[in-house]
Amino acid sequence: MPINVNRERLLTVSAAAKSLPERRHIATVWRWLHAGCRGVKLESVLIGGRRYTSKEAIQRFIASTTSETEGATDAN
């Protein structure tokens, strides 16, 4: 599901890193945007040359990576 810029709470990549538990490093968030984690990429939009994600996109990313992890655990 793409980010809905009219309905979701946009965050810069740096603000997104600060909003996460344990204040993840900004490089971690960039890696999630470009390479992903467990086959899931963090959604983002480019507005005026600046990259944004959203609180809702972070929630979807966490839910997806969690379900991927739990699915792998259940299969073993």
Foldseek 3Di string as FASTA:
>chain_A
DADDVVPFAKDFLQVVQCPDPVSHDSVVLVCLQPVNDLPHHQHWDADPNTIIGGPVSVVVSVVVNVVSVVVVVVVD
